[in-house]
Amino acid sequence: SEFQEGNILIWTSGHLVAIQPSDLPLATQFSLYSNYPNPFNPITTIRFDVGNQINQNTIVNIYDINGRIVANLLNKVVNPGTYELQWDAKNLSSGIYFSEVIHGQIRQTQKMILLK
């Protein structure tokens, strides 16, 4: 895909992951949605809202079933809005993983299933 102004491209474990604000209305609170597709193979989308809490660091980590971080997709201050990240798990084995989004003092986690 082409890089467009306003998009942020992030490299993690040698695989390109794109994050971009969506065209949905501005969020008023923090929310983490279920990834889609779920189950997935090997790419899934993680969607979350960052509400009116400004100047808060936002972290997105992926954990395996043993609680080890297998990917850090984001670690920065983002503006209020709805965000979507794509995670490519092609070098990982099938199993249960967890996406965790931390925004300031708020932490939410979702279960994901990788089926190869």
PDB file of N, CA and C in Angstrom:
ATOM      1  N   SER A   1       0.832  -1.187   0.000  1.00  0.00           N
ATOM      2  CA  SER A   1       0.000   0.000   0.000  1.00  0.00           C
ATOM      3  C   SER A   1       0.873   1.245   0.000  1.00  0.00           C
ATOM      4  N   GLU A   2       0.335   2.325  -0.502  1.00  0.00           N
ATOM      5  CA  GLU A   2       1.084   3.563  -0.591  1.00  0.00           C
ATOM      6  C   GLU A   2       1.034   4.316   0.719  1.00  0.00           C
ATOM      7  N   PHE A   3       2.143   4.998   1.019  1.00  0.00           N
ATOM      8  CA  PHE A   3       2.183   5.847   2.203  1.00  0.00           C
ATOM      9  C   PHE A   3       1.493   7.153   1.872  1.00  0.00           C
ATOM     10  N   GLN A   4       0.557   7.557   2.713  1.00  0.00           N
ATOM     11  CA  GLN A   4      -0.148   8.816   2.526  1.00  0.00           C
ATOM     12  C   GLN A   4       0.101   9.702   3.727  1.00  0.00           C
ATOM     13  N   GLU A   5       0.107  11.003   3.511  1.00  0.00           N
ATOM     14  CA  GLU A   5       0.320  11.939   4.603  1.00  0.00           C
ATOM     15  C   GLU A   5      -0.707  11.692   5.703  1.00  0.00           C
ATOM     16  N   GLY A   6      -0.251  11.683   6.943  1.00  0.00           N
ATOM     17  CA  GLY A   6      -1.131  11.436   8.079  1.00  0.00           C
ATOM     18  C   GLY A   6      -1.091  10.006   8.566  1.00  0.00           C
ATOM     19  N   ASN A   7      -0.602   9.073   7.745  1.00  0.00           N
ATOM     20  CA  ASN A   7      -0.463   7.683   8.166  1.00  0.00           C
ATOM     21  C   ASN A   7       0.860   7.505   8.880  1.00  0.00           C
ATOM     22  N   ILE A   8       0.905   6.580   9.807  1.00  0.00           N
ATOM     23  CA  ILE A   8       2.126   6.254  10.519  1.00  0.00           C
ATOM     24  C   ILE A   8       2.462   4.809  10.195  1.00  0.00           C
ATOM     25  N   LEU A   9       3.690   4.551   9.796  1.00  0.00           N
ATOM     26  CA  LEU A   9       4.119   3.182   9.527  1.00  0.00           C
ATOM     27  C   LEU A   9       5.076   2.749  10.617  1.00  0.00           C
ATOM     28  N   ILE A  10       4.877   1.556  11.150  1.00  0.00           N
ATOM     29  CA  ILE A  10       5.675   1.057  12.259  1.00  0.00           C
ATOM     30  C   ILE A  10       6.254  -0.293  11.863  1.00  0.00           C
ATOM     31  N   TRP A  11       7.544  -0.502  12.135  1.00  0.00           N
ATOM     32  CA  TRP A  11       8.191  -1.794  11.910  1.00  0.00           C
ATOM     33  C   TRP A  11       8.267  -2.533  13.233  1.00  0.00           C
ATOM     34  N   THR A  12       7.864  -3.787  13.241  1.00  0.00           N
ATOM     35  CA  THR A  12       7.996  -4.601  14.436  1.00  0.00           C
ATOM     36  C   THR A  12       8.452  -5.992  14.017  1.00  0.00           C
ATOM     37  N   SER A  13       9.513  -6.464  14.603  1.00  0.00           N
ATOM     38  CA  SER A  13      10.064  -7.790  14.301  1.00  0.00           C
ATOM     39  C   SER A  13      10.268  -7.987  12.803  1.00  0.00           C
ATOM     40  N   GLY A  14      10.628  -6.910  12.111  1.00  0.00           N
ATOM     41  CA  GLY A  14      10.895  -7.015  10.689  1.00  0.00           C
ATOM     42  C   GLY A  14       9.673  -7.017   9.803  1.00  0.00           C
ATOM     43  N   HIS A  15       8.475  -6.900  10.359  1.00  0.00           N
ATOM     44  CA  HIS A  15       7.246  -6.908   9.577  1.00  0.00           C
ATOM     45  C   HIS A  15       6.585  -5.544   9.677  1.00  0.00           C
ATOM     46  N   LEU A  16       6.166  -5.022   8.547  1.00  0.00           N
ATOM     47  CA  LEU A  16       5.534  -3.713   8.516  1.00  0.00           C
ATOM     48  C   LEU A  16       4.131  -3.794   9.084  1.00  0.00           C
ATOM     49  N   VAL A  17       3.825  -2.886   9.977  1.00  0.00           N
ATOM     50  CA  VAL A  17       2.504  -2.777  10.572  1.00  0.00           C
ATOM     51  C   VAL A  17       2.048  -1.354  10.334  1.00  0.00           C
ATOM     52  N   ALA A  18       0.844  -1.176   9.838  1.00  0.00           N
ATOM     53  CA  ALA A  18       0.349   0.170   9.560  1.00  0.00           C
ATOM     54  C   ALA A  18      -0.699   0.560  10.583  1.00  0.00           C
ATOM     55  N   ILE A  19      -0.658   1.808  10.975  1.00  0.00           N
ATOM     56  CA  ILE A  19      -1.689   2.363  11.846  1.00  0.00           C
ATOM     57  C   ILE A  19      -2.162   3.645  11.200  1.00  0.00           C
ATOM     58  N   GLN A  20      -3.458   3.811  11.197  1.00  0.00           N
ATOM     59  CA  GLN A  20      -3.987   5.046  10.646  1.00  0.00           C
ATOM     60  C   GLN A  20      -5.302   5.373  11.324  1.00  0.00           C
ATOM     61  N   PRO A  21      -5.553   6.668  11.524  1.00  0.00           N
ATOM     62  CA  PRO A  21      -6.847   7.054  12.073  1.00  0.00           C
ATOM     63  C   PRO A  21      -7.943   6.667  11.086  1.00  0.00           C
ATOM     64  N   SER A  22      -9.091   6.237  11.585  1.00  0.00           N
ATOM     65  CA  SER A  22     -10.192   5.892  10.691  1.00  0.00           C
ATOM     66  C   SER A  22     -11.057   7.126  10.456  1.00  0.00           C
ATOM     67  N   ASP A  23     -12.039   6.985   9.591  1.00  0.00           N
ATOM     68  CA  ASP A  23     -12.937   8.095   9.272  1.00  0.00           C
ATOM     69  C   ASP A  23     -14.162   8.117  10.177  1.00  0.00           C
ATOM     70  N   LEU A  24     -14.179   7.333  11.234  1.00  0.00           N
ATOM     71  CA  LEU A  24     -15.323   7.288  12.138  1.00  0.00           C
ATOM     72  C   LEU A  24     -15.359   8.530  13.015  1.00  0.00           C
ATOM     73  N   PRO A  25     -16.529   8.846  13.596  1.00  0.00           N
ATOM     74  CA  PRO A  25     -16.617  10.030  14.463  1.00  0.00           C
ATOM     75  C   PRO A  25     -15.653   9.939  15.640  1.00  0.00           C
ATOM     76  N   LEU A  26     -15.247  11.088  16.155  1.00  0.00           N
ATOM     77  CA  LEU A  26     -14.298  11.172  17.257  1.00  0.00           C
ATOM     78  C   LEU A  26     -14.837  10.477  18.501  1.00  0.00           C
ATOM     79  N   ALA A  27     -14.025   9.653  19.115  1.00  0.00           N
ATOM     80  CA  ALA A  27     -14.419   8.915  20.317  1.00  0.00           C
ATOM     81  C   ALA A  27     -14.450   9.841  21.524  1.00  0.00           C
ATOM     82  N   THR A  28     -15.308   9.523  22.483  1.00  0.00           N
ATOM     83  CA  THR A  28     -15.371  10.304  23.718  1.00  0.00           C
ATOM     84  C   THR A  28     -14.769   9.550  24.889  1.00  0.00           C
ATOM     85  N   GLN A  29     -14.512   8.247  24.743  1.00  0.00           N
ATOM     86  CA  GLN A  29     -13.893   7.471  25.810  1.00  0.00           C
ATOM     87  C   GLN A  29     -12.986   6.409  25.205  1.00  0.00           C
ATOM     88  N   PHE A  30     -12.188   5.769  26.059  1.00  0.00           N
ATOM     89  CA  PHE A  30     -11.267   4.731  25.611  1.00  0.00           C
ATOM     90  C   PHE A  30     -12.002   3.407  25.469  1.00  0.00           C
ATOM     91  N   SER A  31     -11.789   2.698  24.360  1.00  0.00           N
ATOM     92  CA  SER A  31     -12.387   1.380  24.136  1.00  0.00           C
ATOM     93  C   SER A  31     -11.448   0.535  23.287  1.00  0.00           C
ATOM     94  N   LEU A  32     -11.385  -0.752  23.603  1.00  0.00           N
ATOM     95  CA  LEU A  32     -10.686  -1.734  22.773  1.00  0.00           C
ATOM     96  C   LEU A  32     -11.733  -2.696  22.242  1.00  0.00           C
ATOM     97  N   TYR A  33     -11.784  -2.857  20.929  1.00  0.00           N
ATOM     98  CA  TYR A  33     -12.757  -3.740  20.291  1.00  0.00           C
ATOM     99  C   TYR A  33     -12.123  -5.101  20.025  1.00  0.00           C
ATOM    100  N   SER A  34     -12.961  -6.101  19.743  1.00  0.00           N
ATOM    101  CA  SER A  34     -12.452  -7.416  19.353  1.00  0.00           C
ATOM    102  C   SER A  34     -11.709  -7.293  18.033  1.00  0.00           C
ATOM    103  N   ASN A  35     -10.599  -8.022  17.936  1.00  0.00           N
ATOM    104  CA  ASN A  35      -9.863  -8.005  16.673  1.00  0.00           C
ATOM    105  C   ASN A  35     -10.687  -8.695  15.595  1.00  0.00           C
ATOM    106  N   TYR A  36     -10.379  -8.393  14.347  1.00  0.00           N
ATOM    107  CA  TYR A  36     -11.067  -9.043  13.239  1.00  0.00           C
ATOM    108  C   TYR A  36     -10.093  -9.257  12.094  1.00  0.00           C
ATOM    109  N   PRO A  37     -10.176 -10.380  11.417  1.00  0.00           N
ATOM    110  CA  PRO A  37     -11.003 -11.528  11.792  1.00  0.00           C
ATOM    111  C   PRO A  37     -10.453 -12.211  13.043  1.00  0.00           C
ATOM    112  N   ASN A  38     -11.266 -13.007  13.654  1.00  0.00           N
ATOM    113  CA  ASN A  38     -10.869 -13.783  14.824  1.00  0.00           C
ATOM    114  C   ASN A  38     -11.702 -15.053  14.850  1.00  0.00           C
ATOM    115  N   PRO A  39     -11.110 -16.205  14.617  1.00  0.00           N
ATOM    116  CA  PRO A  39      -9.706 -16.540  14.420  1.00  0.00           C
ATOM    117  C   PRO A  39      -9.146 -15.893  13.150  1.00  0.00           C
ATOM    118  N   PHE A  40      -7.793 -15.823  13.097  1.00  0.00           N
ATOM    119  CA  PHE A  40      -7.122 -15.188  11.970  1.00  0.00           C
ATOM    120  C   PHE A  40      -5.919 -16.006  11.523  1.00  0.00           C
ATOM    121  N   ASN A  41      -5.456 -15.726  10.289  1.00  0.00           N
ATOM    122  CA  ASN A  41      -4.270 -16.388   9.733  1.00  0.00           C
ATOM    123  C   ASN A  41      -3.728 -15.581   8.567  1.00  0.00           C
ATOM    124  N   PRO A  42      -2.598 -14.977   8.639  1.00  0.00           N
ATOM    125  CA  PRO A  42      -1.822 -14.635   9.819  1.00  0.00           C
ATOM    126  C   PRO A  42      -2.009 -13.177  10.244  1.00  0.00           C
ATOM    127  N   ILE A  43      -2.890 -12.415   9.530  1.00  0.00           N
ATOM    128  CA  ILE A  43      -3.033 -10.982   9.817  1.00  0.00           C
ATOM    129  C   ILE A  43      -4.388 -10.706  10.445  1.00  0.00           C
ATOM    130  N   THR A  44      -4.391  -9.861  11.469  1.00  0.00           N
ATOM    131  CA  THR A  44      -5.626  -9.430  12.105  1.00  0.00           C
ATOM    132  C   THR A  44      -5.555  -7.929  12.351  1.00  0.00           C
ATOM    133  N   THR A  45      -6.715  -7.323  12.534  1.00  0.00           N
ATOM    134  CA  THR A  45      -6.810  -5.888  12.781  1.00  0.00           C
ATOM    135  C   THR A  45      -7.254  -5.652  14.212  1.00  0.00           C
ATOM    136  N   ILE A  46      -6.539  -4.774  14.898  1.00  0.00           N
ATOM    137  CA  ILE A  46      -6.853  -4.389  16.276  1.00  0.00           C
ATOM    138  C   ILE A  46      -7.355  -2.955  16.231  1.00  0.00           C
ATOM    139  N   ARG A  47      -8.559  -2.741  16.738  1.00  0.00           N
ATOM    140  CA  ARG A  47      -9.194  -1.417  16.684  1.00  0.00           C
ATOM    141  C   ARG A  47      -9.431  -0.910  18.097  1.00  0.00           C
ATOM    142  N   PHE A  48      -9.122   0.357  18.310  1.00  0.00           N
ATOM    143  CA  PHE A  48      -9.366   0.956  19.618  1.00  0.00           C
ATOM    144  C   PHE A  48      -9.671   2.434  19.472  1.00  0.00           C
ATOM    145  N   ASP A  49     -10.396   2.956  20.461  1.00  0.00           N
ATOM    146  CA  ASP A  49     -10.734   4.376  20.539  1.00  0.00           C
ATOM    147  C   ASP A  49      -9.909   5.025  21.625  1.00  0.00           C
ATOM    148  N   VAL A  50      -9.405   6.200  21.345  1.00  0.00           N
ATOM    149  CA  VAL A  50      -8.773   7.050  22.349  1.00  0.00           C
ATOM    150  C   VAL A  50      -9.673   8.267  22.474  1.00  0.00           C
ATOM    151  N   GLY A  51     -10.258   8.448  23.646  1.00  0.00           N
ATOM    152  CA  GLY A  51     -11.212   9.530  23.854  1.00  0.00           C
ATOM    153  C   GLY A  51     -10.554  10.850  24.178  1.00  0.00           C
ATOM    154  N   ASN A  52     -11.199  11.592  25.030  1.00  0.00           N
ATOM    155  CA  ASN A  52     -10.776  12.953  25.351  1.00  0.00           C
ATOM    156  C   ASN A  52      -9.568  13.033  26.265  1.00  0.00           C
ATOM    157  N   GLN A  53      -9.022  11.900  26.684  1.00  0.00           N
ATOM    158  CA  GLN A  53      -7.859  11.904  27.569  1.00  0.00           C
ATOM    159  C   GLN A  53      -6.625  12.236  26.735  1.00  0.00           C
ATOM    160  N   ILE A  54      -6.225  13.504  26.713  1.00  0.00           N
ATOM    161  CA  ILE A  54      -5.105  13.924  25.873  1.00  0.00           C
ATOM    162  C   ILE A  54      -3.796  13.837  26.640  1.00  0.00           C
ATOM    163  N   ASN A  55      -2.702  13.861  25.905  1.00  0.00           N
ATOM    164  CA  ASN A  55      -1.347  13.805  26.460  1.00  0.00           C
ATOM    165  C   ASN A  55      -1.101  12.558  27.303  1.00  0.00           C
ATOM    166  N   GLN A  56      -1.722  11.451  26.931  1.00  0.00           N
ATOM    167  CA  GLN A  56      -1.513  10.169  27.601  1.00  0.00           C
ATOM    168  C   GLN A  56      -0.805   9.231  26.629  1.00  0.00           C
ATOM    169  N   ASN A  57       0.208   8.528  27.117  1.00  0.00           N
ATOM    170  CA  ASN A  57       0.903   7.561  26.283  1.00  0.00           C
ATOM    171  C   ASN A  57      -0.016   6.375  25.997  1.00  0.00           C
ATOM    172  N   THR A  58       0.030   5.871  24.782  1.00  0.00           N
ATOM    173  CA  THR A  58      -0.760   4.710  24.383  1.00  0.00           C
ATOM    174  C   THR A  58       0.198   3.597  23.971  1.00  0.00           C
ATOM    175  N   ILE A  59       0.012   2.419  24.560  1.00  0.00           N
ATOM    176  CA  ILE A  59       0.866   1.260  24.302  1.00  0.00           C
ATOM    177  C   ILE A  59      -0.017   0.119  23.812  1.00  0.00           C
ATOM    178  N   VAL A  60       0.417  -0.558  22.756  1.00  0.00           N
ATOM    179  CA  VAL A  60      -0.281  -1.748  22.272  1.00  0.00           C
ATOM    180  C   VAL A  60       0.732  -2.889  22.240  1.00  0.00           C
ATOM    181  N   ASN A  61       0.481  -3.906  23.064  1.00  0.00           N
ATOM    182  CA  ASN A  61       1.336  -5.089  23.142  1.00  0.00           C
ATOM    183  C   ASN A  61       0.540  -6.325  22.770  1.00  0.00           C
ATOM    184  N   ILE A  62       1.241  -7.321  22.236  1.00  0.00           N
ATOM    185  CA  ILE A  62       0.666  -8.638  21.975  1.00  0.00           C
ATOM    186  C   ILE A  62       1.405  -9.633  22.863  1.00  0.00           C
ATOM    187  N   TYR A  63       0.636 -10.467  23.581  1.00  0.00           N
ATOM    188  CA  TYR A  63       1.195 -11.465  24.497  1.00  0.00           C
ATOM    189  C   TYR A  63       0.829 -12.864  24.022  1.00  0.00           C
ATOM    190  N   ASP A  64       1.703 -13.829  24.303  1.00  0.00           N
ATOM    191  CA  ASP A  64       1.351 -15.221  24.059  1.00  0.00           C
ATOM    192  C   ASP A  64       0.634 -15.771  25.291  1.00  0.00           C
ATOM    193  N   ILE A  65       0.251 -17.032  25.238  1.00  0.00           N
ATOM    194  CA  ILE A  65      -0.519 -17.651  26.321  1.00  0.00           C
ATOM    195  C   ILE A  65       0.269 -17.712  27.629  1.00  0.00           C
ATOM    196  N   ASN A  66       1.605 -17.634  27.555  1.00  0.00           N
ATOM    197  CA  ASN A  66       2.450 -17.660  28.748  1.00  0.00           C
ATOM    198  C   ASN A  66       2.736 -16.276  29.315  1.00  0.00           C
ATOM    199  N   GLY A  67       2.132 -15.250  28.716  1.00  0.00           N
ATOM    200  CA  GLY A  67       2.304 -13.899  29.228  1.00  0.00           C
ATOM    201  C   GLY A  67       3.538 -13.176  28.723  1.00  0.00           C
ATOM    202  N   ARG A  68       4.225 -13.758  27.743  1.00  0.00           N
ATOM    203  CA  ARG A  68       5.402 -13.104  27.157  1.00  0.00           C
ATOM    204  C   ARG A  68       4.967 -12.143  26.062  1.00  0.00           C
ATOM    205  N   ILE A  69       5.594 -10.971  26.022  1.00  0.00           N
ATOM    206  CA  ILE A  69       5.319 -10.025  24.940  1.00  0.00           C
ATOM    207  C   ILE A  69       5.952 -10.563  23.661  1.00  0.00           C
ATOM    208  N   VAL A  70       5.134 -10.750  22.620  1.00  0.00           N
ATOM    209  CA  VAL A  70       5.653 -11.210  21.332  1.00  0.00           C
ATOM    210  C   VAL A  70       5.733 -10.069  20.324  1.00  0.00           C
ATOM    211  N   ALA A  71       5.059  -8.955  20.609  1.00  0.00           N
ATOM    212  CA  ALA A  71       5.129  -7.782  19.729  1.00  0.00           C
ATOM    213  C   ALA A  71       4.711  -6.544  20.504  1.00  0.00           C
ATOM    214  N   ASN A  72       5.404  -5.456  20.237  1.00  0.00           N
ATOM    215  CA  ASN A  72       4.989  -4.134  20.713  1.00  0.00           C
ATOM    216  C   ASN A  72       4.647  -3.343  19.463  1.00  0.00           C
ATOM    217  N   LEU A  73       3.360  -3.035  19.285  1.00  0.00           N
ATOM    218  CA  LEU A  73       2.908  -2.387  18.059  1.00  0.00           C
ATOM    219  C   LEU A  73       2.879  -0.871  18.148  1.00  0.00           C
ATOM    220  N   LEU A  74       2.788  -0.338  19.367  1.00  0.00           N
ATOM    221  CA  LEU A  74       2.673   1.111  19.515  1.00  0.00           C
ATOM    222  C   LEU A  74       3.129   1.498  20.903  1.00  0.00           C
ATOM    223  N   ASN A  75       3.826   2.629  20.992  1.00  0.00           N
ATOM    224  CA  ASN A  75       4.231   3.188  22.284  1.00  0.00           C
ATOM    225  C   ASN A  75       4.482   4.674  22.070  1.00  0.00           C
ATOM    226  N   LYS A  76       3.396   5.462  22.099  1.00  0.00           N
ATOM    227  CA  LYS A  76       3.509   6.897  21.865  1.00  0.00           C
ATOM    228  C   LYS A  76       2.215   7.594  22.264  1.00  0.00           C
ATOM    229  N   VAL A  77       2.259   8.899  22.329  1.00  0.00           N
ATOM    230  CA  VAL A  77       1.065   9.703  22.568  1.00  0.00           C
ATOM    231  C   VAL A  77       0.330   9.839  21.237  1.00  0.00           C
ATOM    232  N   VAL A  78      -0.964   9.520  21.227  1.00  0.00           N
ATOM    233  CA  VAL A  78      -1.780   9.675  20.023  1.00  0.00           C
ATOM    234  C   VAL A  78      -2.924  10.637  20.323  1.00  0.00           C
ATOM    235  N   ASN A  79      -3.432  11.273  19.295  1.00  0.00           N
ATOM    236  CA  ASN A  79      -4.560  12.194  19.436  1.00  0.00           C
ATOM    237  C   ASN A  79      -5.851  11.417  19.638  1.00  0.00           C
ATOM    238  N   PRO A  80      -6.875  12.042  20.233  1.00  0.00           N
ATOM    239  CA  PRO A  80      -8.173  11.376  20.344  1.00  0.00           C
ATOM    240  C   PRO A  80      -8.673  10.933  18.970  1.00  0.00           C
ATOM    241  N   GLY A  81      -9.279   9.751  18.915  1.00  0.00           N
ATOM    242  CA  GLY A  81      -9.805   9.223  17.659  1.00  0.00           C
ATOM    243  C   GLY A  81      -9.894   7.716  17.702  1.00  0.00           C
ATOM    244  N   THR A  82     -10.271   7.129  16.590  1.00  0.00           N
ATOM    245  CA  THR A  82     -10.360   5.684  16.443  1.00  0.00           C
ATOM    246  C   THR A  82      -9.183   5.224  15.594  1.00  0.00           C
ATOM    247  N   TYR A  83      -8.491   4.189  16.058  1.00  0.00           N
ATOM    248  CA  TYR A  83      -7.284   3.703  15.392  1.00  0.00           C
ATOM    249  C   TYR A  83      -7.424   2.226  15.067  1.00  0.00           C
ATOM    250  N   GLU A  84      -6.799   1.816  13.976  1.00  0.00           N
ATOM    251  CA  GLU A  84      -6.742   0.416  13.580  1.00  0.00           C
ATOM    252  C   GLU A  84      -5.298   0.058  13.277  1.00  0.00           C
ATOM    253  N   LEU A  85      -4.834  -1.034  13.868  1.00  0.00           N
ATOM    254  CA  LEU A  85      -3.492  -1.550  13.606  1.00  0.00           C
ATOM    255  C   LEU A  85      -3.633  -2.934  13.008  1.00  0.00           C
ATOM    256  N   GLN A  86      -2.790  -3.268  12.070  1.00  0.00           N
ATOM    257  CA  GLN A  86      -2.740  -4.624  11.546  1.00  0.00           C
ATOM    258  C   GLN A  86      -1.528  -5.323  12.133  1.00  0.00           C
ATOM    259  N   TRP A  87      -1.761  -6.529  12.650  1.00  0.00           N
ATOM    260  CA  TRP A  87      -0.679  -7.332  13.216  1.00  0.00           C
ATOM    261  C   TRP A  87      -0.491  -8.570  12.352  1.00  0.00           C
ATOM    262  N   ASP A  88       0.739  -8.788  11.932  1.00  0.00           N
ATOM    263  CA  ASP A  88       1.102  -9.937  11.107  1.00  0.00           C
ATOM    264  C   ASP A  88       1.831 -10.953  11.982  1.00  0.00           C
ATOM    265  N   ALA A  89       1.191 -12.102  12.211  1.00  0.00           N
ATOM    266  CA  ALA A  89       1.744 -13.142  13.085  1.00  0.00           C
ATOM    267  C   ALA A  89       2.293 -14.315  12.279  1.00  0.00           C
ATOM    268  N   LYS A  90       2.778 -14.056  11.062  1.00  0.00           N
ATOM    269  CA  LYS A  90       3.188 -15.163  10.192  1.00  0.00           C
ATOM    270  C   LYS A  90       4.341 -15.982  10.743  1.00  0.00           C
ATOM    271  N   ASN A  91       5.162 -15.426  11.620  1.00  0.00           N
ATOM    272  CA  ASN A  91       6.294 -16.177  12.174  1.00  0.00           C
ATOM    273  C   ASN A  91       5.983 -16.819  13.522  1.00  0.00           C
ATOM    274  N   LEU A  92       4.734 -16.787  13.928  1.00  0.00           N
ATOM    275  CA  LEU A  92       4.335 -17.382  15.208  1.00  0.00           C
ATOM    276  C   LEU A  92       3.493 -18.624  14.966  1.00  0.00           C
ATOM    277  N   SER A  93       3.435 -19.483  15.966  1.00  0.00           N
ATOM    278  CA  SER A  93       2.661 -20.715  15.836  1.00  0.00           C
ATOM    279  C   SER A  93       1.204 -20.475  16.206  1.00  0.00           C
ATOM    280  N   SER A  94       0.358 -21.385  15.773  1.00  0.00           N
ATOM    281  CA  SER A  94      -1.061 -21.319  16.113  1.00  0.00           C
ATOM    282  C   SER A  94      -1.230 -21.299  17.621  1.00  0.00           C
ATOM    283  N   GLY A  95      -2.258 -20.615  18.076  1.00  0.00           N
ATOM    284  CA  GLY A  95      -2.523 -20.582  19.504  1.00  0.00           C
ATOM    285  C   GLY A  95      -3.302 -19.352  19.911  1.00  0.00           C
ATOM    286  N   ILE A  96      -3.381 -19.164  21.216  1.00  0.00           N
ATOM    287  CA  ILE A  96      -4.108 -18.040  21.799  1.00  0.00           C
ATOM    288  C   ILE A  96      -3.120 -16.927  22.107  1.00  0.00           C
ATOM    289  N   TYR A  97      -3.488 -15.729  21.704  1.00  0.00           N
ATOM    290  CA  TYR A  97      -2.702 -14.525  21.964  1.00  0.00           C
ATOM    291  C   TYR A  97      -3.639 -13.474  22.549  1.00  0.00           C
ATOM    292  N   PHE A  98      -3.055 -12.462  23.148  1.00  0.00           N
ATOM    293  CA  PHE A  98      -3.842 -11.391  23.748  1.00  0.00           C
ATOM    294  C   PHE A  98      -3.319 -10.048  23.267  1.00  0.00           C
ATOM    295  N   SER A  99      -4.243  -9.192  22.828  1.00  0.00           N
ATOM    296  CA  SER A  99      -3.869  -7.811  22.532  1.00  0.00           C
ATOM    297  C   SER A  99      -4.192  -6.996  23.777  1.00  0.00           C
ATOM    298  N   GLU A 100      -3.266  -6.139  24.146  1.00  0.00           N
ATOM    299  CA  GLU A 100      -3.464  -5.271  25.313  1.00  0.00           C
ATOM    300  C   GLU A 100      -3.196  -3.838  24.877  1.00  0.00           C
ATOM    301  N   VAL A 101      -4.152  -2.963  25.167  1.00  0.00           N
ATOM    302  CA  VAL A 101      -3.975  -1.542  24.895  1.00  0.00           C
ATOM    303  C   VAL A 101      -4.003  -0.817  26.230  1.00  0.00           C
ATOM    304  N   ILE A 102      -2.962  -0.033  26.460  1.00  0.00           N
ATOM    305  CA  ILE A 102      -2.848   0.771  27.681  1.00  0.00           C
ATOM    306  C   ILE A 102      -2.866   2.225  27.254  1.00  0.00           C
ATOM    307  N   HIS A 103      -3.764   2.997  27.852  1.00  0.00           N
ATOM    308  CA  HIS A 103      -3.847   4.432  27.575  1.00  0.00           C
ATOM    309  C   HIS A 103      -3.878   5.146  28.921  1.00  0.00           C
ATOM    310  N   GLY A 104      -2.757   5.766  29.275  1.00  0.00           N
ATOM    311  CA  GLY A 104      -2.662   6.383  30.599  1.00  0.00           C
ATOM    312  C   GLY A 104      -2.783   5.303  31.661  1.00  0.00           C
ATOM    313  N   GLN A 105      -3.769   5.428  32.536  1.00  0.00           N
ATOM    314  CA  GLN A 105      -3.995   4.459  33.611  1.00  0.00           C
ATOM    315  C   GLN A 105      -5.017   3.383  33.238  1.00  0.00           C
ATOM    316  N   ILE A 106      -5.536   3.429  32.008  1.00  0.00           N
ATOM    317  CA  ILE A 106      -6.564   2.483  31.563  1.00  0.00           C
ATOM    318  C   ILE A 106      -5.904   1.350  30.785  1.00  0.00           C
ATOM    319  N   ARG A 107      -6.325   0.116  31.074  1.00  0.00           N
ATOM    320  CA  ARG A 107      -5.752  -1.068  30.425  1.00  0.00           C
ATOM    321  C   ARG A 107      -6.900  -2.001  30.034  1.00  0.00           C
ATOM    322  N   GLN A 108      -6.927  -2.419  28.755  1.00  0.00           N
ATOM    323  CA  GLN A 108      -7.925  -3.383  28.294  1.00  0.00           C
ATOM    324  C   GLN A 108      -7.238  -4.454  27.460  1.00  0.00           C
ATOM    325  N   THR A 109      -7.776  -5.676  27.543  1.00  0.00           N
ATOM    326  CA  THR A 109      -7.183  -6.827  26.870  1.00  0.00           C
ATOM    327  C   THR A 109      -8.258  -7.598  26.118  1.00  0.00           C
ATOM    328  N   GLN A 110      -7.893  -8.136  24.948  1.00  0.00           N
ATOM    329  CA  GLN A 110      -8.788  -8.978  24.156  1.00  0.00           C
ATOM    330  C   GLN A 110      -8.055 -10.260  23.760  1.00  0.00           C
ATOM    331  N   LYS A 111      -8.781 -11.371  23.764  1.00  0.00           N
ATOM    332  CA  LYS A 111      -8.234 -12.671  23.361  1.00  0.00           C
ATOM    333  C   LYS A 111      -8.319 -12.812  21.839  1.00  0.00           C
ATOM    334  N   MET A 112      -7.245 -13.344  21.241  1.00  0.00           N
ATOM    335  CA  MET A 112      -7.185 -13.568  19.798  1.00  0.00           C
ATOM    336  C   MET A 112      -6.738 -15.002  19.544  1.00  0.00           C
ATOM    337  N   ILE A 113      -7.217 -15.596  18.461  1.00  0.00           N
ATOM    338  CA  ILE A 113      -6.857 -16.972  18.126  1.00  0.00           C
ATOM    339  C   ILE A 113      -6.208 -16.994  16.748  1.00  0.00           C
ATOM    340  N   LEU A 114      -4.960 -17.462  16.713  1.00  0.00           N
ATOM    341  CA  LEU A 114      -4.224 -17.634  15.464  1.00  0.00           C
ATOM    342  C   LEU A 114      -4.353 -19.093  15.039  1.00  0.00           C
ATOM    343  N   LEU A 115      -4.980 -19.333  13.879  1.00  0.00           N
ATOM    344  CA  LEU A 115      -5.151 -20.686  13.335  1.00  0.00           C
ATOM    345  C   LEU A 115      -4.435 -20.764  12.003  1.00  0.00           C
ATOM    346  N   LYS A 116      -3.441 -21.635  11.929  1.00  0.00           N
ATOM    347  CA  LYS A 116      -2.698 -21.794  10.665  1.00  0.00           C
ATOM    348  C   LYS A 116      -3.055 -23.098  10.009  1.00  0.00           C
TER     349      LYS A 116
END
